[in-house]
């Protein structure tokens, strides 16, 4: 994961390489809270692949990059 200040900065860093998935810091924070926010709960249980895919979909993270194996 790399953090950049702008789309222009990403383009400069990439040069001729094609870009991968990019999200805003706000979206990254939303993902972190949704994915990890309940991990310290006493009744925490691992989520299923489908539940994890649901988190991504709810956040609008769709497309090939966001498909879970």
PDB file of N, CA and C in Angstrom:
ATOM      1  N   UNK A   1       0.843  -1.151   0.000  1.00  0.00           N
ATOM      2  CA  UNK A   1       0.000   0.000   0.000  1.00  0.00           C
ATOM      3  C   UNK A   1       0.900   1.230   0.000  1.00  0.00           C
ATOM      4  N   UNK A   2       0.544   2.173  -0.837  1.00  0.00           N
ATOM      5  CA  UNK A   2       1.232   3.456  -0.899  1.00  0.00           C
ATOM      6  C   UNK A   2       0.199   4.561  -0.747  1.00  0.00           C
ATOM      7  N   UNK A   3       0.575   5.621  -0.059  1.00  0.00           N
ATOM      8  CA  UNK A   3      -0.299   6.781   0.088  1.00  0.00           C
ATOM      9  C   UNK A   3       0.250   7.912  -0.765  1.00  0.00           C
ATOM     10  N   UNK A   4      -0.639   8.556  -1.519  1.00  0.00           N
ATOM     11  CA  UNK A   4      -0.255   9.652  -2.395  1.00  0.00           C
ATOM     12  C   UNK A   4      -1.152  10.855  -2.126  1.00  0.00           C
ATOM     13  N   UNK A   5      -0.663  12.038  -2.450  1.00  0.00           N
ATOM     14  CA  UNK A   5      -1.430  13.253  -2.179  1.00  0.00           C
ATOM     15  C   UNK A   5      -2.420  13.611  -3.285  1.00  0.00           C
ATOM     16  N   UNK A   6      -2.264  13.022  -4.468  1.00  0.00           N
ATOM     17  CA  UNK A   6      -3.164  13.370  -5.567  1.00  0.00           C
ATOM     18  C   UNK A   6      -3.075  12.329  -6.682  1.00  0.00           C
ATOM     19  N   UNK A   7      -4.058  12.382  -7.590  1.00  0.00           N
ATOM     20  CA  UNK A   7      -4.028  11.517  -8.779  1.00  0.00           C
ATOM     21  C   UNK A   7      -2.793  11.836  -9.629  1.00  0.00           C
ATOM     22  N   UNK A   8      -2.420  13.098  -9.696  1.00  0.00           N
ATOM     23  CA  UNK A   8      -1.247  13.499 -10.467  1.00  0.00           C
ATOM     24  C   UNK A   8       0.021  12.882  -9.872  1.00  0.00           C
ATOM     25  N   UNK A   9       0.097  12.847  -8.557  1.00  0.00           N
ATOM     26  CA  UNK A   9       1.252  12.256  -7.900  1.00  0.00           C
ATOM     27  C   UNK A   9       1.324  10.755  -8.199  1.00  0.00           C
ATOM     28  N   UNK A  10       0.171  10.100  -8.230  1.00  0.00           N
ATOM     29  CA  UNK A  10       0.127   8.674  -8.584  1.00  0.00           C
ATOM     30  C   UNK A  10       0.662   8.479  -9.997  1.00  0.00           C
ATOM     31  N   UNK A  11       0.162   9.282 -10.938  1.00  0.00           N
ATOM     32  CA  UNK A  11       0.582   9.166 -12.335  1.00  0.00           C
ATOM     33  C   UNK A  11       2.088   9.390 -12.468  1.00  0.00           C
ATOM     34  N   UNK A  12       2.611  10.369 -11.750  1.00  0.00           N
ATOM     35  CA  UNK A  12       4.046  10.640 -11.800  1.00  0.00           C
ATOM     36  C   UNK A  12       4.834   9.455 -11.247  1.00  0.00           C
ATOM     37  N   UNK A  13       4.388   8.894 -10.135  1.00  0.00           N
ATOM     38  CA  UNK A  13       5.080   7.770  -9.508  1.00  0.00           C
ATOM     39  C   UNK A  13       5.042   6.528 -10.400  1.00  0.00           C
ATOM     40  N   UNK A  14       3.893   6.299 -11.044  1.00  0.00           N
ATOM     41  CA  UNK A  14       3.745   5.117 -11.886  1.00  0.00           C
ATOM     42  C   UNK A  14       4.573   5.189 -13.160  1.00  0.00           C
ATOM     43  N   UNK A  15       4.722   6.371 -13.709  1.00  0.00           N
ATOM     44  CA  UNK A  15       5.402   6.491 -15.000  1.00  0.00           C
ATOM     45  C   UNK A  15       4.573   5.802 -16.067  1.00  0.00           C
ATOM     46  N   UNK A  16       5.156   4.838 -16.749  1.00  0.00           N
ATOM     47  CA  UNK A  16       4.468   4.114 -17.824  1.00  0.00           C
ATOM     48  C   UNK A  16       3.704   2.886 -17.338  1.00  0.00           C
ATOM     49  N   UNK A  17       3.855   2.525 -16.062  1.00  0.00           N
ATOM     50  CA  UNK A  17       3.165   1.343 -15.538  1.00  0.00           C
ATOM     51  C   UNK A  17       1.668   1.609 -15.411  1.00  0.00           C
ATOM     52  N   UNK A  18       0.839   0.595 -15.639  1.00  0.00           N
ATOM     53  CA  UNK A  18      -0.612   0.787 -15.489  1.00  0.00           C
ATOM     54  C   UNK A  18      -0.973   0.888 -13.999  1.00  0.00           C
ATOM     55  N   UNK A  19      -1.984   1.700 -13.673  1.00  0.00           N
ATOM     56  CA  UNK A  19      -2.376   1.834 -12.264  1.00  0.00           C
ATOM     57  C   UNK A  19      -3.143   0.608 -11.782  1.00  0.00           C
ATOM     58  N   UNK A  20      -3.054   0.353 -10.509  1.00  0.00           N
ATOM     59  CA  UNK A  20      -3.872  -0.677  -9.878  1.00  0.00           C
ATOM     60  C   UNK A  20      -5.109  -0.007  -9.289  1.00  0.00           C
ATOM     61  N   UNK A  21      -5.651  -0.582  -8.253  1.00  0.00           N
ATOM     62  CA  UNK A  21      -6.811   0.001  -7.592  1.00  0.00           C
ATOM     63  C   UNK A  21      -6.361   1.165  -6.719  1.00  0.00           C
ATOM     64  N   UNK A  22      -7.127   2.235  -6.742  1.00  0.00           N
ATOM     65  CA  UNK A  22      -6.853   3.372  -5.875  1.00  0.00           C
ATOM     66  C   UNK A  22      -8.132   3.734  -5.128  1.00  0.00           C
ATOM     67  N   UNK A  23      -7.967   4.118  -3.865  1.00  0.00           N
ATOM     68  CA  UNK A  23      -9.083   4.589  -3.054  1.00  0.00           C
ATOM     69  C   UNK A  23      -8.607   5.777  -2.233  1.00  0.00           C
ATOM     70  N   UNK A  24      -9.546   6.563  -1.769  1.00  0.00           N
ATOM     71  CA  UNK A  24      -9.210   7.713  -0.938  1.00  0.00           C
ATOM     72  C   UNK A  24      -8.862   7.250   0.471  1.00  0.00           C
ATOM     73  N   UNK A  25      -8.214   8.121   1.219  1.00  0.00           N
ATOM     74  CA  UNK A  25      -7.902   7.819   2.613  1.00  0.00           C
ATOM     75  C   UNK A  25      -9.194   7.642   3.399  1.00  0.00           C
ATOM     76  N   UNK A  26     -10.210   8.409   3.061  1.00  0.00           N
ATOM     77  CA  UNK A  26     -11.506   8.265   3.730  1.00  0.00           C
ATOM     78  C   UNK A  26     -12.076   6.873   3.507  1.00  0.00           C
ATOM     79  N   UNK A  27     -12.027   6.393   2.271  1.00  0.00           N
ATOM     80  CA  UNK A  27     -12.528   5.052   1.967  1.00  0.00           C
ATOM     81  C   UNK A  27     -11.668   3.993   2.658  1.00  0.00           C
ATOM     82  N   UNK A  28     -10.368   4.202   2.712  1.00  0.00           N
ATOM     83  CA  UNK A  28      -9.481   3.283   3.420  1.00  0.00           C
ATOM     84  C   UNK A  28      -9.856   3.203   4.895  1.00  0.00           C
ATOM     85  N   UNK A  29     -10.168   4.334   5.495  1.00  0.00           N
ATOM     86  CA  UNK A  29     -10.593   4.358   6.893  1.00  0.00           C
ATOM     87  C   UNK A  29     -11.907   3.609   7.079  1.00  0.00           C
ATOM     88  N   UNK A  30     -12.855   3.826   6.173  1.00  0.00           N
ATOM     89  CA  UNK A  30     -14.131   3.098   6.233  1.00  0.00           C
ATOM     90  C   UNK A  30     -13.897   1.591   6.143  1.00  0.00           C
ATOM     91  N   UNK A  31     -13.023   1.182   5.235  1.00  0.00           N
ATOM     92  CA  UNK A  31     -12.711  -0.235   5.078  1.00  0.00           C
ATOM     93  C   UNK A  31     -12.074  -0.796   6.345  1.00  0.00           C
ATOM     94  N   UNK A  32     -11.119  -0.073   6.902  1.00  0.00           N
ATOM     95  CA  UNK A  32     -10.445  -0.545   8.117  1.00  0.00           C
ATOM     96  C   UNK A  32     -11.432  -0.722   9.266  1.00  0.00           C
ATOM     97  N   UNK A  33     -12.319   0.245   9.433  1.00  0.00           N
ATOM     98  CA  UNK A  33     -13.310   0.142  10.517  1.00  0.00           C
ATOM     99  C   UNK A  33     -14.275  -1.014  10.290  1.00  0.00           C
ATOM    100  N   UNK A  34     -14.723  -1.170   9.050  1.00  0.00           N
ATOM    101  CA  UNK A  34     -15.664  -2.259   8.749  1.00  0.00           C
ATOM    102  C   UNK A  34     -14.987  -3.624   8.888  1.00  0.00           C
ATOM    103  N   UNK A  35     -13.737  -3.728   8.473  1.00  0.00           N
ATOM    104  CA  UNK A  35     -13.035  -5.008   8.434  1.00  0.00           C
ATOM    105  C   UNK A  35     -12.514  -5.415   9.809  1.00  0.00           C
ATOM    106  N   UNK A  36     -11.974  -4.446  10.560  1.00  0.00           N
ATOM    107  CA  UNK A  36     -11.279  -4.757  11.809  1.00  0.00           C
ATOM    108  C   UNK A  36     -11.984  -4.253  13.059  1.00  0.00           C
ATOM    109  N   UNK A  37     -13.018  -3.454  12.931  1.00  0.00           N
ATOM    110  CA  UNK A  37     -13.632  -2.774  14.066  1.00  0.00           C
ATOM    111  C   UNK A  37     -14.179  -3.662  15.159  1.00  0.00           C
ATOM    112  N   UNK A  38     -14.526  -4.888  14.836  1.00  0.00           N
ATOM    113  CA  UNK A  38     -15.127  -5.779  15.844  1.00  0.00           C
ATOM    114  C   UNK A  38     -14.151  -6.833  16.367  1.00  0.00           C
ATOM    115  N   UNK A  39     -12.897  -6.767  16.016  1.00  0.00           N
ATOM    116  CA  UNK A  39     -11.950  -7.834  16.346  1.00  0.00           C
ATOM    117  C   UNK A  39     -11.663  -7.982  17.834  1.00  0.00           C
ATOM    118  N   UNK A  40     -11.879  -6.961  18.631  1.00  0.00           N
ATOM    119  CA  UNK A  40     -11.594  -7.085  20.063  1.00  0.00           C
ATOM    120  C   UNK A  40     -12.844  -7.432  20.867  1.00  0.00           C
ATOM    121  N   UNK A  41     -13.975  -7.590  20.209  1.00  0.00           N
ATOM    122  CA  UNK A  41     -15.212  -7.952  20.907  1.00  0.00           C
ATOM    123  C   UNK A  41     -15.078  -9.366  21.480  1.00  0.00           C
ATOM    124  N   UNK A  42     -15.560  -9.577  22.708  1.00  0.00           N
ATOM    125  CA  UNK A  42     -15.432 -10.899  23.328  1.00  0.00           C
ATOM    126  C   UNK A  42     -16.121 -12.011  22.538  1.00  0.00           C
ATOM    127  N   UNK A  43     -17.173 -11.675  21.805  1.00  0.00           N
ATOM    128  CA  UNK A  43     -17.902 -12.699  21.049  1.00  0.00           C
ATOM    129  C   UNK A  43     -17.504 -12.738  19.568  1.00  0.00           C
ATOM    130  N   UNK A  44     -16.345 -12.159  19.237  1.00  0.00           N
ATOM    131  CA  UNK A  44     -15.911 -12.103  17.843  1.00  0.00           C
ATOM    132  C   UNK A  44     -15.718 -13.511  17.284  1.00  0.00           C
ATOM    133  N   UNK A  45     -16.162 -13.672  16.057  1.00  0.00           N
ATOM    134  CA  UNK A  45     -15.958 -14.906  15.298  1.00  0.00           C
ATOM    135  C   UNK A  45     -15.502 -14.510  13.889  1.00  0.00           C
ATOM    136  N   UNK A  46     -14.628 -15.313  13.295  1.00  0.00           N
ATOM    137  CA  UNK A  46     -14.212 -14.998  11.921  1.00  0.00           C
ATOM    138  C   UNK A  46     -15.414 -14.939  10.986  1.00  0.00           C
ATOM    139  N   UNK A  47     -15.352 -14.008  10.043  1.00  0.00           N
ATOM    140  CA  UNK A  47     -16.416 -13.894   9.046  1.00  0.00           C
ATOM    141  C   UNK A  47     -16.168 -14.884   7.910  1.00  0.00           C
ATOM    142  N   UNK A  48     -17.228 -15.202   7.217  1.00  0.00           N
ATOM    143  CA  UNK A  48     -17.110 -16.054   6.036  1.00  0.00           C
ATOM    144  C   UNK A  48     -16.603 -15.218   4.868  1.00  0.00           C
ATOM    145  N   UNK A  49     -16.184 -15.903   3.842  1.00  0.00           N
ATOM    146  CA  UNK A  49     -15.761 -15.220   2.619  1.00  0.00           C
ATOM    147  C   UNK A  49     -16.889 -14.357   2.077  1.00  0.00           C
ATOM    148  N   UNK A  50     -18.103 -14.881   2.126  1.00  0.00           N
ATOM    149  CA  UNK A  50     -19.266 -14.140   1.628  1.00  0.00           C
ATOM    150  C   UNK A  50     -19.518 -12.880   2.454  1.00  0.00           C
ATOM    151  N   UNK A  51     -19.348 -12.985   3.765  1.00  0.00           N
ATOM    152  CA  UNK A  51     -19.521 -11.804   4.614  1.00  0.00           C
ATOM    153  C   UNK A  51     -18.447 -10.757   4.320  1.00  0.00           C
ATOM    154  N   UNK A  52     -17.215 -11.209   4.129  1.00  0.00           N
ATOM    155  CA  UNK A  52     -16.144 -10.276   3.770  1.00  0.00           C
ATOM    156  C   UNK A  52     -16.407  -9.624   2.420  1.00  0.00           C
ATOM    157  N   UNK A  53     -16.863 -10.403   1.460  1.00  0.00           N
ATOM    158  CA  UNK A  53     -17.211  -9.847   0.144  1.00  0.00           C
ATOM    159  C   UNK A  53     -18.339  -8.837   0.290  1.00  0.00           C
ATOM    160  N   UNK A  54     -19.269  -9.083   1.197  1.00  0.00           N
ATOM    161  CA  UNK A  54     -20.354  -8.149   1.455  1.00  0.00           C
ATOM    162  C   UNK A  54     -19.856  -6.817   1.979  1.00  0.00           C
ATOM    163  N   UNK A  55     -18.848  -6.844   2.846  1.00  0.00           N
ATOM    164  CA  UNK A  55     -18.260  -5.599   3.347  1.00  0.00           C
ATOM    165  C   UNK A  55     -17.695  -4.784   2.189  1.00  0.00           C
ATOM    166  N   UNK A  56     -16.945  -5.448   1.319  1.00  0.00           N
ATOM    167  CA  UNK A  56     -16.371  -4.745   0.170  1.00  0.00           C
ATOM    168  C   UNK A  56     -17.465  -4.156  -0.709  1.00  0.00           C
ATOM    169  N   UNK A  57     -18.502  -4.937  -0.979  1.00  0.00           N
ATOM    170  CA  UNK A  57     -19.601  -4.466  -1.837  1.00  0.00           C
ATOM    171  C   UNK A  57     -20.319  -3.287  -1.200  1.00  0.00           C
ATOM    172  N   UNK A  58     -20.580  -3.358   0.115  1.00  0.00           N
ATOM    173  CA  UNK A  58     -21.260  -2.255   0.801  1.00  0.00           C
ATOM    174  C   UNK A  58     -20.476  -0.956   0.713  1.00  0.00           C
ATOM    175  N   UNK A  59     -19.165  -1.079   0.653  1.00  0.00           N
ATOM    176  CA  UNK A  59     -18.319   0.107   0.556  1.00  0.00           C
ATOM    177  C   UNK A  59     -18.093   0.545  -0.890  1.00  0.00           C
ATOM    178  N   UNK A  60     -18.683  -0.178  -1.830  1.00  0.00           N
ATOM    179  CA  UNK A  60     -18.534   0.165  -3.241  1.00  0.00           C
ATOM    180  C   UNK A  60     -17.219  -0.290  -3.827  1.00  0.00           C
ATOM    181  N   UNK A  61     -16.526  -1.194  -3.153  1.00  0.00           N
ATOM    182  CA  UNK A  61     -15.254  -1.711  -3.644  1.00  0.00           C
ATOM    183  C   UNK A  61     -15.536  -2.960  -4.465  1.00  0.00           C
ATOM    184  N   UNK A  62     -15.729  -2.755  -5.738  1.00  0.00           N
ATOM    185  CA  UNK A  62     -16.102  -3.824  -6.643  1.00  0.00           C
ATOM    186  C   UNK A  62     -15.104  -3.896  -7.800  1.00  0.00           C
ATOM    187  N   UNK A  63     -15.225  -4.911  -8.591  1.00  0.00           N
ATOM    188  CA  UNK A  63     -14.327  -5.080  -9.733  1.00  0.00           C
ATOM    189  C   UNK A  63     -13.299  -6.144  -9.450  1.00  0.00           C
ATOM    190  N   UNK A  64     -12.508  -6.490 -10.449  1.00  0.00           N
ATOM    191  CA  UNK A  64     -11.564  -7.598 -10.342  1.00  0.00           C
ATOM    192  C   UNK A  64     -10.586  -7.490  -9.166  1.00  0.00           C
ATOM    193  N   UNK A  65     -10.083  -6.289  -8.889  1.00  0.00           N
ATOM    194  CA  UNK A  65      -9.112  -6.124  -7.816  1.00  0.00           C
ATOM    195  C   UNK A  65      -9.687  -6.530  -6.468  1.00  0.00           C
ATOM    196  N   UNK A  66     -10.971  -6.277  -6.260  1.00  0.00           N
ATOM    197  CA  UNK A  66     -11.602  -6.477  -4.963  1.00  0.00           C
ATOM    198  C   UNK A  66     -12.252  -7.850  -4.814  1.00  0.00           C
ATOM    199  N   UNK A  67     -12.126  -8.707  -5.811  1.00  0.00           N
ATOM    200  CA  UNK A  67     -12.675 -10.063  -5.714  1.00  0.00           C
ATOM    201  C   UNK A  67     -11.795 -10.902  -4.802  1.00  0.00           C
ATOM    202  N   UNK A  68     -12.406 -11.536  -3.824  1.00  0.00           N
ATOM    203  CA  UNK A  68     -11.642 -12.375  -2.898  1.00  0.00           C
ATOM    204  C   UNK A  68     -11.387 -13.736  -3.520  1.00  0.00           C
ATOM    205  N   UNK A  69     -10.221 -14.326  -3.228  1.00  0.00           N
ATOM    206  CA  UNK A  69      -9.910 -15.647  -3.806  1.00  0.00           C
ATOM    207  C   UNK A  69     -10.777 -16.739  -3.204  1.00  0.00           C
TER     208      UNK A  69
END
